[in-house]
C-alpha atoms as a PDB file:
ATOM      1  CA  UNK A   1     125.462 114.887  51.283  1.00  0.00           C
ATOM      2  CA  UNK A   2     124.962 114.832  47.573  1.00  0.00           C
ATOM      3  CA  UNK A   3     128.639 115.948  46.677  1.00  0.00           C
ATOM      4  CA  UNK A   4     129.339 112.991  44.738  1.00  0.00           C
ATOM      5  CA  UNK A   5     126.177 113.441  42.839  1.00  0.00           C
ATOM      6  CA  UNK A   6     127.194 116.891  41.907  1.00  0.00           C
ATOM      7  CA  UNK A   7     130.885 116.276  41.122  1.00  0.00           C
ATOM      8  CA  UNK A   8     130.427 113.011  39.301  1.00  0.00           C
ATOM      9  CA  UNK A   9     126.758 112.955  37.460  1.00  0.00           C
ATOM     10  CA  UNK A  10     125.592 115.493  34.918  1.00  0.00           C
ATOM     11  CA  UNK A  11     121.886 115.143  36.220  1.00  0.00           C
ATOM     12  CA  UNK A  12     123.263 115.893  39.993  1.00  0.00           C
ATOM     13  CA  UNK A  13     125.288 118.978  38.882  1.00  0.00           C
ATOM     14  CA  UNK A  14     122.252 120.452  36.571  1.00  0.00           C
ATOM     15  CA  UNK A  15     119.892 119.725  39.685  1.00  0.00           C
ATOM     16  CA  UNK A  16     122.026 121.474  42.329  1.00  0.00           C
ATOM     17  CA  UNK A  17     122.876 124.365  39.769  1.00  0.00           C
ATOM     18  CA  UNK A  18     118.930 124.831  39.281  1.00  0.00           C
ATOM     19  CA  UNK A  19     118.297 124.560  42.789  1.00  0.00           C
ATOM     20  CA  UNK A  20     120.585 127.465  43.699  1.00  0.00           C
ATOM     21  CA  UNK A  21     118.654 129.584  40.824  1.00  0.00           C
ATOM     22  CA  UNK A  22     115.296 128.562  42.373  1.00  0.00           C
ATOM     23  CA  UNK A  23     116.145 129.066  46.093  1.00  0.00           C
ATOM     24  CA  UNK A  24     117.741 132.428  45.494  1.00  0.00           C
ATOM     25  CA  UNK A  25     120.912 131.678  47.521  1.00  0.00           C
ATOM     26  CA  UNK A  26     123.549 129.188  47.700  1.00  0.00           C
ATOM     27  CA  UNK A  27     121.800 126.231  49.203  1.00  0.00           C
ATOM     28  CA  UNK A  28     124.458 123.920  47.463  1.00  0.00           C
ATOM     29  CA  UNK A  29     127.275 125.092  49.739  1.00  0.00           C
ATOM     30  CA  UNK A  30     125.067 124.630  52.762  1.00  0.00           C
ATOM     31  CA  UNK A  31     124.356 121.262  52.024  1.00  0.00           C
ATOM     32  CA  UNK A  32     128.037 120.399  51.382  1.00  0.00           C
ATOM     33  CA  UNK A  33     129.835 122.402  53.907  1.00  0.00           C
ATOM     34  CA  UNK A  34     127.540 123.677  56.555  1.00  0.00           C
ATOM     35  CA  UNK A  35     127.034 124.917  59.034  1.00  0.00           C
ATOM     36  CA  UNK A  36     125.200 122.032  60.468  1.00  0.00           C
ATOM     37  CA  UNK A  37     122.808 124.527  62.484  1.00  0.00           C
ATOM     38  CA  UNK A  38     122.021 126.290  59.308  1.00  0.00           C
ATOM     39  CA  UNK A  39     121.254 123.058  57.251  1.00  0.00           C
ATOM     40  CA  UNK A  40     119.218 122.046  60.271  1.00  0.00           C
ATOM     41  CA  UNK A  41     116.556 124.860  59.856  1.00  0.00           C
ATOM     42  CA  UNK A  42     113.701 123.298  58.197  1.00  0.00           C
ATOM     43  CA  UNK A  43     113.766 126.068  55.173  1.00  0.00           C
ATOM     44  CA  UNK A  44     117.012 124.351  54.165  1.00  0.00           C
ATOM     45  CA  UNK A  45     116.349 120.843  55.353  1.00  0.00           C
ATOM     46  CA  UNK A  46     113.222 120.135  53.178  1.00  0.00           C
ATOM     47  CA  UNK A  47     114.901 121.629  49.950  1.00  0.00           C
ATOM     48  CA  UNK A  48     118.128 119.649  50.586  1.00  0.00           C
ATOM     49  CA  UNK A  49     116.482 116.418  51.157  1.00  0.00           C
ATOM     50  CA  UNK A  50     114.020 116.847  48.046  1.00  0.00           C
ATOM     51  CA  UNK A  51     117.164 117.665  45.766  1.00  0.00           C
ATOM     52  CA  UNK A  52     119.414 114.787  46.854  1.00  0.00           C
ATOM     53  CA  UNK A  53     116.396 112.237  46.949  1.00  0.00           C
ATOM     54  CA  UNK A  54     114.958 113.150  43.116  1.00  0.00           C
ATOM     55  CA  UNK A  55     118.648 113.128  41.708  1.00  0.00           C
ATOM     56  CA  UNK A  56     118.976 109.378  43.113  1.00  0.00           C
ATOM     57  CA  UNK A  57     115.410 108.461  42.023  1.00  0.00           C
ATOM     58  CA  UNK A  58     116.066 109.540  38.638  1.00  0.00           C
ATOM     59  CA  UNK A  59     119.411 108.321  38.016  1.00  0.00           C
ATOM     60  CA  UNK A  60     117.700 105.017  39.266  1.00  0.00           C
ATOM     61  CA  UNK A  61     114.974 105.350  36.530  1.00  0.00           C
ATOM     62  CA  UNK A  62     117.843 106.131  34.286  1.00  0.00           C
ATOM     63  CA  UNK A  63     119.547 103.063  35.163  1.00  0.00           C
ATOM     64  CA  UNK A  64     116.417 100.817  34.594  1.00  0.00           C
ATOM     65  CA  UNK A  65     114.647 100.682  37.809  1.00  0.00           C
ATOM     66  CA  UNK A  66     111.045 100.366  37.085  1.00  0.00           C
ATOM     67  CA  UNK A  67     108.841 100.561  40.212  1.00  0.00           C
ATOM     68  CA  UNK A  68     105.355  99.570  40.456  1.00  0.00           C
ATOM     69  CA  UNK A  69     104.422 102.201  43.394  1.00  0.00           C
ATOM     70  CA  UNK A  70     105.662 104.897  45.395  1.00  0.00           C
ATOM     71  CA  UNK A  71     105.206 106.544  48.577  1.00  0.00           C
ATOM     72  CA  UNK A  72     107.002 109.108  50.800  1.00  0.00           C
ATOM     73  CA  UNK A  73     106.846 110.030  54.393  1.00  0.00           C
ATOM     74  CA  UNK A  74     105.679 113.580  54.741  1.00  0.00           C
ATOM     75  CA  UNK A  75     108.378 115.723  52.510  1.00  0.00           C
ATOM     76  CA  UNK A  76     109.154 112.357  50.918  1.00  0.00           C
ATOM     77  CA  UNK A  77     105.700 112.510  49.362  1.00  0.00           C
ATOM     78  CA  UNK A  78     106.960 115.401  46.995  1.00  0.00           C
ATOM     79  CA  UNK A  79     110.003 113.381  45.435  1.00  0.00           C
ATOM     80  CA  UNK A  80     107.630 110.180  45.232  1.00  0.00           C
ATOM     81  CA  UNK A  81     105.075 112.358  43.126  1.00  0.00           C
ATOM     82  CA  UNK A  82     108.343 113.940  41.183  1.00  0.00           C
ATOM     83  CA  UNK A  83     109.543 110.375  40.133  1.00  0.00           C
ATOM     84  CA  UNK A  84     105.779 109.302  39.411  1.00  0.00           C
ATOM     85  CA  UNK A  85     105.387 112.176  36.876  1.00  0.00           C
ATOM     86  CA  UNK A  86     102.848 114.417  38.878  1.00  0.00           C
ATOM     87  CA  UNK A  87     105.308 117.542  38.498  1.00  0.00           C
ATOM     88  CA  UNK A  88     108.980 118.132  37.102  1.00  0.00           C
ATOM     89  CA  UNK A  89     111.882 118.486  39.379  1.00  0.00           C
ATOM     90  CA  UNK A  90     111.899 122.474  39.075  1.00  0.00           C
ATOM     91  CA  UNK A  91     107.871 122.590  40.001  1.00  0.00           C
ATOM     92  CA  UNK A  92     108.625 120.083  42.938  1.00  0.00           C
ATOM     93  CA  UNK A  93     111.430 122.113  44.369  1.00  0.00           C
ATOM     94  CA  UNK A  94     109.551 125.401  44.182  1.00  0.00           C
ATOM     95  CA  UNK A  95     106.423 124.022  45.995  1.00  0.00           C
ATOM     96  CA  UNK A  96     109.118 122.371  48.588  1.00  0.00           C
ATOM     97  CA  UNK A  97     110.722 125.850  49.029  1.00  0.00           C
ATOM     98  CA  UNK A  98     107.273 127.442  49.872  1.00  0.00           C
ATOM     99  CA  UNK A  99     106.182 124.440  52.025  1.00  0.00           C
ATOM    100  CA  UNK A 100     109.573 124.849  54.101  1.00  0.00           C
ATOM    101  CA  UNK A 101     109.312 128.351  54.405  1.00  0.00           C
ATOM    102  CA  UNK A 102     105.577 128.439  55.301  1.00  0.00           C
ATOM    103  CA  UNK A 103     106.086 125.713  58.052  1.00  0.00           C
ATOM    104  CA  UNK A 104     109.220 127.487  59.531  1.00  0.00           C
ATOM    105  CA  UNK A 105     106.976 130.840  59.659  1.00  0.00           C
ATOM    106  CA  UNK A 106     103.964 128.960  61.094  1.00  0.00           C
ATOM    107  CA  UNK A 107     106.306 127.478  63.725  1.00  0.00           C
ATOM    108  CA  UNK A 108     107.217 131.052  64.687  1.00  0.00           C
ATOM    109  CA  UNK A 109     103.706 132.145  64.618  1.00  0.00           C
ATOM    110  CA  UNK A 110     102.349 129.366  66.533  1.00  0.00           C
ATOM    111  CA  UNK A 111     105.051 127.796  68.603  1.00  0.00           C
ATOM    112  CA  UNK A 112     104.599 124.197  69.392  1.00  0.00           C
ATOM    113  CA  UNK A 113     106.774 120.905  69.525  1.00  0.00           C
ATOM    114  CA  UNK A 114     106.430 117.327  68.565  1.00  0.00           C
ATOM    115  CA  UNK A 115     107.140 114.023  70.639  1.00  0.00           C
ATOM    116  CA  UNK A 116     107.760 110.273  69.900  1.00  0.00           C
ATOM    117  CA  UNK A 117     105.683 107.824  71.993  1.00  0.00           C
ATOM    118  CA  UNK A 118     107.243 104.475  72.120  1.00  0.00           C
ATOM    119  CA  UNK A 119     105.300 101.484  73.350  1.00  0.00           C
ATOM    120  CA  UNK A 120     101.604 102.189  72.861  1.00  0.00           C
ATOM    121  CA  UNK A 121      99.268 101.141  70.351  1.00  0.00           C
ATOM    122  CA  UNK A 122      98.027 103.599  67.796  1.00  0.00           C
ATOM    123  CA  UNK A 123      94.393 103.680  69.015  1.00  0.00           C
ATOM    124  CA  UNK A 124      95.708 104.374  72.532  1.00  0.00           C
ATOM    125  CA  UNK A 125      97.719 107.180  71.413  1.00  0.00           C
ATOM    126  CA  UNK A 126      94.864 108.829  69.364  1.00  0.00           C
ATOM    127  CA  UNK A 127      92.583 108.367  72.619  1.00  0.00           C
ATOM    128  CA  UNK A 128      95.250 110.229  74.604  1.00  0.00           C
ATOM    129  CA  UNK A 129      95.821 113.162  72.173  1.00  0.00           C
ATOM    130  CA  UNK A 130      91.708 113.475  72.325  1.00  0.00           C
ATOM    131  CA  UNK A 131      91.425 114.316  76.149  1.00  0.00           C
ATOM    132  CA  UNK A 132      91.197 117.591  77.705  1.00  0.00           C
ATOM    133  CA  UNK A 133      94.324 119.492  77.842  1.00  0.00           C
ATOM    134  CA  UNK A 134      92.816 122.723  79.096  1.00  0.00           C
ATOM    135  CA  UNK A 135      92.362 123.751  75.433  1.00  0.00           C
ATOM    136  CA  UNK A 136      95.764 123.066  74.497  1.00  0.00           C
ATOM    137  CA  UNK A 137      96.134 121.247  70.959  1.00  0.00           C
ATOM    138  CA  UNK A 138      97.902 117.964  70.746  1.00  0.00           C
ATOM    139  CA  UNK A 139      97.225 115.469  68.026  1.00  0.00           C
ATOM    140  CA  UNK A 140      99.087 112.397  66.528  1.00  0.00           C
ATOM    141  CA  UNK A 141     101.103 113.323  63.554  1.00  0.00           C
ATOM    142  CA  UNK A 142     103.096 110.226  62.360  1.00  0.00           C
ATOM    143  CA  UNK A 143     101.628 106.640  62.611  1.00  0.00           C
ATOM    144  CA  UNK A 144     105.073 105.567  62.061  1.00  0.00           C
ATOM    145  CA  UNK A 145     105.232 101.955  63.060  1.00  0.00           C
ATOM    146  CA  UNK A 146     103.548  99.578  65.590  1.00  0.00           C
ATOM    147  CA  UNK A 147     104.372 101.191  69.128  1.00  0.00           C
ATOM    148  CA  UNK A 148     105.896 104.314  67.619  1.00  0.00           C
ATOM    149  CA  UNK A 149     103.646 107.358  67.284  1.00  0.00           C
ATOM    150  CA  UNK A 150     104.753 110.748  66.992  1.00  0.00           C
ATOM    151  CA  UNK A 151     102.438 113.513  68.568  1.00  0.00           C
ATOM    152  CA  UNK A 152     102.331 117.350  67.809  1.00  0.00           C
ATOM    153  CA  UNK A 153     100.919 120.509  69.137  1.00  0.00           C
ATOM    154  CA  UNK A 154     101.272 123.202  71.369  1.00  0.00           C
ATOM    155  CA  UNK A 155     104.213 122.886  73.725  1.00  0.00           C
ATOM    156  CA  UNK A 156     102.455 122.744  77.260  1.00  0.00           C
ATOM    157  CA  UNK A 157      99.691 119.963  75.717  1.00  0.00           C
ATOM    158  CA  UNK A 158     102.420 118.062  74.035  1.00  0.00           C
ATOM    159  CA  UNK A 159     104.483 117.988  77.455  1.00  0.00           C
ATOM    160  CA  UNK A 160     101.159 116.926  79.344  1.00  0.00           C
ATOM    161  CA  UNK A 161     100.470 114.116  76.975  1.00  0.00           C
ATOM    162  CA  UNK A 162     104.139 112.878  77.272  1.00  0.00           C
ATOM    163  CA  UNK A 163     103.509 112.554  81.087  1.00  0.00           C
ATOM    164  CA  UNK A 164     100.045 110.932  80.813  1.00  0.00           C
ATOM    165  CA  UNK A 165     101.461 108.526  78.059  1.00  0.00           C
ATOM    166  CA  UNK A 166     104.002 107.248  80.678  1.00  0.00           C
ATOM    167  CA  UNK A 167     101.315 106.667  83.086  1.00  0.00           C
ATOM    168  CA  UNK A 168      99.256 104.444  80.310  1.00  0.00           C
ATOM    169  CA  UNK A 169     102.624 102.257  79.755  1.00  0.00           C
ATOM    170  CA  UNK A 170     104.603 103.979  77.371  1.00  0.00           C
ATOM    171  CA  UNK A 171     108.167 102.811  77.648  1.00  0.00           C
ATOM    172  CA  UNK A 172     109.602 106.108  76.516  1.00  0.00           C
ATOM    173  CA  UNK A 173     108.178 109.668  75.298  1.00  0.00           C
ATOM    174  CA  UNK A 174     110.827 111.488  73.487  1.00  0.00           C
ATOM    175  CA  UNK A 175     110.485 115.304  72.720  1.00  0.00           C
ATOM    176  CA  UNK A 176     112.076 115.864  69.142  1.00  0.00           C
ATOM    177  CA  UNK A 177     114.280 118.781  68.161  1.00  0.00           C
ATOM    178  CA  UNK A 178     111.966 120.411  65.696  1.00  0.00           C
ATOM    179  CA  UNK A 179     110.967 124.229  64.780  1.00  0.00           C
ATOM    180  CA  UNK A 180     107.231 123.616  64.945  1.00  0.00           C
ATOM    181  CA  UNK A 181     104.235 121.460  65.592  1.00  0.00           C
ATOM    182  CA  UNK A 182     104.015 119.748  61.795  1.00  0.00           C
ATOM    183  CA  UNK A 183     101.267 117.749  60.820  1.00  0.00           C
ATOM    184  CA  UNK A 184      98.858 119.645  63.342  1.00  0.00           C
ATOM    185  CA  UNK A 185      96.344 122.347  63.426  1.00  0.00           C
ATOM    186  CA  UNK A 186      99.267 124.709  64.095  1.00  0.00           C
ATOM    187  CA  UNK A 187     100.427 124.423  60.431  1.00  0.00           C
ATOM    188  CA  UNK A 188      97.075 126.136  59.408  1.00  0.00           C
ATOM    189  CA  UNK A 189      98.927 129.178  57.934  1.00  0.00           C
ATOM    190  CA  UNK A 190     101.412 127.000  55.950  1.00  0.00           C
ATOM    191  CA  UNK A 191      98.483 125.154  54.748  1.00  0.00           C
ATOM    192  CA  UNK A 192      96.755 128.404  53.307  1.00  0.00           C
ATOM    193  CA  UNK A 193     100.187 129.512  51.610  1.00  0.00           C
ATOM    194  CA  UNK A 194     100.719 126.207  50.237  1.00  0.00           C
ATOM    195  CA  UNK A 195      97.029 125.747  48.963  1.00  0.00           C
ATOM    196  CA  UNK A 196      97.145 128.952  47.010  1.00  0.00           C
ATOM    197  CA  UNK A 197     100.246 127.826  45.056  1.00  0.00           C
ATOM    198  CA  UNK A 198      99.112 124.458  44.684  1.00  0.00           C
ATOM    199  CA  UNK A 199      95.848 125.673  43.059  1.00  0.00           C
ATOM    200  CA  UNK A 200      97.687 127.767  40.643  1.00  0.00           C
ATOM    201  CA  UNK A 201     100.120 125.256  39.117  1.00  0.00           C
ATOM    202  CA  UNK A 202      99.790 122.135  36.699  1.00  0.00           C
ATOM    203  CA  UNK A 203      99.599 118.631  38.271  1.00  0.00           C
ATOM    204  CA  UNK A 204      99.730 115.725  35.968  1.00  0.00           C
ATOM    205  CA  UNK A 205      98.216 112.370  36.622  1.00  0.00           C
ATOM    206  CA  UNK A 206     101.081 110.058  37.747  1.00  0.00           C
ATOM    207  CA  UNK A 207     102.135 107.005  35.589  1.00  0.00           C
ATOM    208  CA  UNK A 208     102.437 104.647  38.813  1.00  0.00           C
ATOM    209  CA  UNK A 209     100.374 104.737  41.880  1.00  0.00           C
ATOM    210  CA  UNK A 210     101.718 107.096  44.823  1.00  0.00           C
ATOM    211  CA  UNK A 211     100.376 105.993  48.225  1.00  0.00           C
ATOM    212  CA  UNK A 212      99.032 109.309  49.884  1.00  0.00           C
ATOM    213  CA  UNK A 213     100.197 110.300  53.493  1.00  0.00           C
ATOM    214  CA  UNK A 214      96.568 111.312  54.197  1.00  0.00           C
ATOM    215  CA  UNK A 215      94.522 108.523  53.233  1.00  0.00           C
ATOM    216  CA  UNK A 216      96.971 105.523  52.963  1.00  0.00           C
ATOM    217  CA  UNK A 217      95.552 104.712  49.658  1.00  0.00           C
ATOM    218  CA  UNK A 218      97.210 104.906  46.193  1.00  0.00           C
ATOM    219  CA  UNK A 219      96.319 107.752  43.767  1.00  0.00           C
ATOM    220  CA  UNK A 220      97.092 108.613  40.346  1.00  0.00           C
ATOM    221  CA  UNK A 221      94.588 111.591  39.761  1.00  0.00           C
ATOM    222  CA  UNK A 222      96.031 115.074  39.507  1.00  0.00           C
ATOM    223  CA  UNK A 223      93.157 116.549  41.635  1.00  0.00           C
ATOM    224  CA  UNK A 224      93.290 113.874  44.218  1.00  0.00           C
ATOM    225  CA  UNK A 225      97.122 114.666  44.370  1.00  0.00           C
ATOM    226  CA  UNK A 226      96.655 118.310  44.719  1.00  0.00           C
ATOM    227  CA  UNK A 227      94.010 117.683  47.454  1.00  0.00           C
ATOM    228  CA  UNK A 228      96.235 115.233  49.316  1.00  0.00           C
ATOM    229  CA  UNK A 229      99.200 117.833  49.339  1.00  0.00           C
ATOM    230  CA  UNK A 230      97.120 120.572  50.790  1.00  0.00           C
ATOM    231  CA  UNK A 231      95.778 118.254  53.266  1.00  0.00           C
ATOM    232  CA  UNK A 232      98.929 116.904  54.167  1.00  0.00           C
ATOM    233  CA  UNK A 233     100.364 119.563  56.355  1.00  0.00           C
ATOM    234  CA  UNK A 234      97.559 119.545  59.097  1.00  0.00           C
ATOM    235  CA  UNK A 235      96.635 115.709  59.149  1.00  0.00           C
ATOM    236  CA  UNK A 236      98.734 112.860  60.313  1.00  0.00           C
ATOM    237  CA  UNK A 237     101.509 110.523  58.276  1.00  0.00           C
ATOM    238  CA  UNK A 238      99.842 107.288  58.151  1.00  0.00           C
ATOM    239  CA  UNK A 239     103.028 105.352  57.244  1.00  0.00           C
ATOM    240  CA  UNK A 240     102.100 102.309  59.233  1.00  0.00           C
ATOM    241  CA  UNK A 241      98.891 101.802  57.357  1.00  0.00           C
ATOM    242  CA  UNK A 242     100.422 102.748  54.072  1.00  0.00           C
ATOM    243  CA  UNK A 243     103.246  99.969  54.267  1.00  0.00           C
ATOM    244  CA  UNK A 244     100.675  97.488  55.354  1.00  0.00           C
ATOM    245  CA  UNK A 245      98.350  98.373  52.532  1.00  0.00           C
ATOM    246  CA  UNK A 246     101.165  98.229  49.970  1.00  0.00           C
ATOM    247  CA  UNK A 247     102.006  94.739  51.308  1.00  0.00           C
ATOM    248  CA  UNK A 248      98.570  93.666  51.346  1.00  0.00           C
ATOM    249  CA  UNK A 249      98.550  94.786  47.305  1.00  0.00           C
ATOM    250  CA  UNK A 250     101.590  92.469  46.434  1.00  0.00           C
ATOM    251  CA  UNK A 251     104.422  94.784  47.260  1.00  0.00           C
ATOM    252  CA  UNK A 252     107.083  93.252  49.219  1.00  0.00           C
ATOM    253  CA  UNK A 253     110.298  94.905  48.011  1.00  0.00           C
ATOM    254  CA  UNK A 254     110.990  98.357  48.959  1.00  0.00           C
ATOM    255  CA  UNK A 255     113.985 100.764  48.140  1.00  0.00           C
ATOM    256  CA  UNK A 256     114.549 103.664  50.282  1.00  0.00           C
ATOM    257  CA  UNK A 257     115.936 106.599  48.280  1.00  0.00           C
ATOM    258  CA  UNK A 258     117.541 109.663  49.557  1.00  0.00           C
ATOM    259  CA  UNK A 259     119.611 110.501  52.606  1.00  0.00           C
ATOM    260  CA  UNK A 260     119.188 108.364  55.887  1.00  0.00           C
ATOM    261  CA  UNK A 261     117.650 105.006  56.831  1.00  0.00           C
ATOM    262  CA  UNK A 262     114.874 106.040  58.740  1.00  0.00           C
ATOM    263  CA  UNK A 263     112.272 104.425  56.429  1.00  0.00           C
ATOM    264  CA  UNK A 264     114.362 101.069  56.288  1.00  0.00           C
ATOM    265  CA  UNK A 265     113.970 100.952  60.051  1.00  0.00           C
ATOM    266  CA  UNK A 266     110.217 101.744  60.406  1.00  0.00           C
ATOM    267  CA  UNK A 267     109.410  99.203  57.598  1.00  0.00           C
ATOM    268  CA  UNK A 268     111.343  96.432  59.484  1.00  0.00           C
ATOM    269  CA  UNK A 269     109.358  97.274  62.652  1.00  0.00           C
ATOM    270  CA  UNK A 270     105.971  97.117  60.389  1.00  0.00           C
ATOM    271  CA  UNK A 271     106.592  93.883  58.740  1.00  0.00           C
ATOM    272  CA  UNK A 272     109.760  91.937  58.979  1.00  0.00           C
ATOM    273  CA  UNK A 273     109.171  89.918  55.930  1.00  0.00           C
ATOM    274  CA  UNK A 274     109.667  92.900  53.745  1.00  0.00           C
ATOM    275  CA  UNK A 275     112.827  93.029  51.539  1.00  0.00           C
ATOM    276  CA  UNK A 276     114.017  96.652  51.903  1.00  0.00           C
ATOM    277  CA  UNK A 277     117.505  98.364  50.700  1.00  0.00           C
ATOM    278  CA  UNK A 278     118.499 101.860  50.565  1.00  0.00           C
ATOM    279  CA  UNK A 279     120.255 104.225  48.005  1.00  0.00           C
ATOM    280  CA  UNK A 280     121.642 107.313  49.708  1.00  0.00           C
ATOM    281  CA  UNK A 281     124.523 108.148  47.557  1.00  0.00           C
ATOM    282  CA  UNK A 282     126.566 107.207  44.434  1.00  0.00           C
ATOM    283  CA  UNK A 283     128.299 104.314  45.955  1.00  0.00           C
ATOM    284  CA  UNK A 284     125.238 102.872  46.748  1.00  0.00           C
ATOM    285  CA  UNK A 285     123.751 103.502  43.319  1.00  0.00           C
ATOM    286  CA  UNK A 286     126.608 102.016  41.610  1.00  0.00           C
ATOM    287  CA  UNK A 287     126.482  99.000  43.930  1.00  0.00           C
ATOM    288  CA  UNK A 288     122.705  98.519  43.361  1.00  0.00           C
ATOM    289  CA  UNK A 289     122.968  98.795  39.574  1.00  0.00           C
ATOM    290  CA  UNK A 290     125.587  95.664  39.467  1.00  0.00           C
ATOM    291  CA  UNK A 291     123.410  93.614  41.719  1.00  0.00           C
END
């Protein structure tokens, strides 16, 4: 992942080299060579995805792509804000490093899990999470697409909610391989650490609207961005609502930037009228620029 960008673009080489300096260890080598178990640790996964996404995003800008708006799913909000000018690459990576480390630590302090509930509507999953689980915490974490909601919380409560979801008609309830209960109250220690850092740095107004995970509304103001990022860790990602609102605001062409095709799949489930493509490596980038 990203090796072609490092070897064949000046921007990629610069960003990967700076990443090793900021991270304080050879993350570049882990991204290129593994081992996979190490890369899958959230303290490494988040910076890795951020680095590659920003490199591709900035190369697209250099190539003449002019976005009218941006949005990112959870971690992706940081790359979207970097591309939109809220902060530079180095500041963004410093934030992502702290976010990733704090989330991993919070997951160790407050063990929990997440699960995808397939085949129930958003309101039914929200209601399911509000039920009594003998004091256990379980909340909706990602409203991804119609019929696909991820829940998060204490392991016992999530397992019980998975069982109850099947009784309510869910087609599937799949536990996810994660290291913590992200986007839930169990992330409170991570939110506190991140808030301290966010309150100490300069954030600029963006040069294009970025749709917030927390509100699903477009924001450009620096203080609104700061608040949204602080709130993000303990609140659900309202992706389904975000894409629907963007469509309602006249946006019908989407470009997923960075490794993977997850958002392309979600957007097709949200609205099949949307045009969506992906750029996740140098080959994709070159093909896109020649379209």
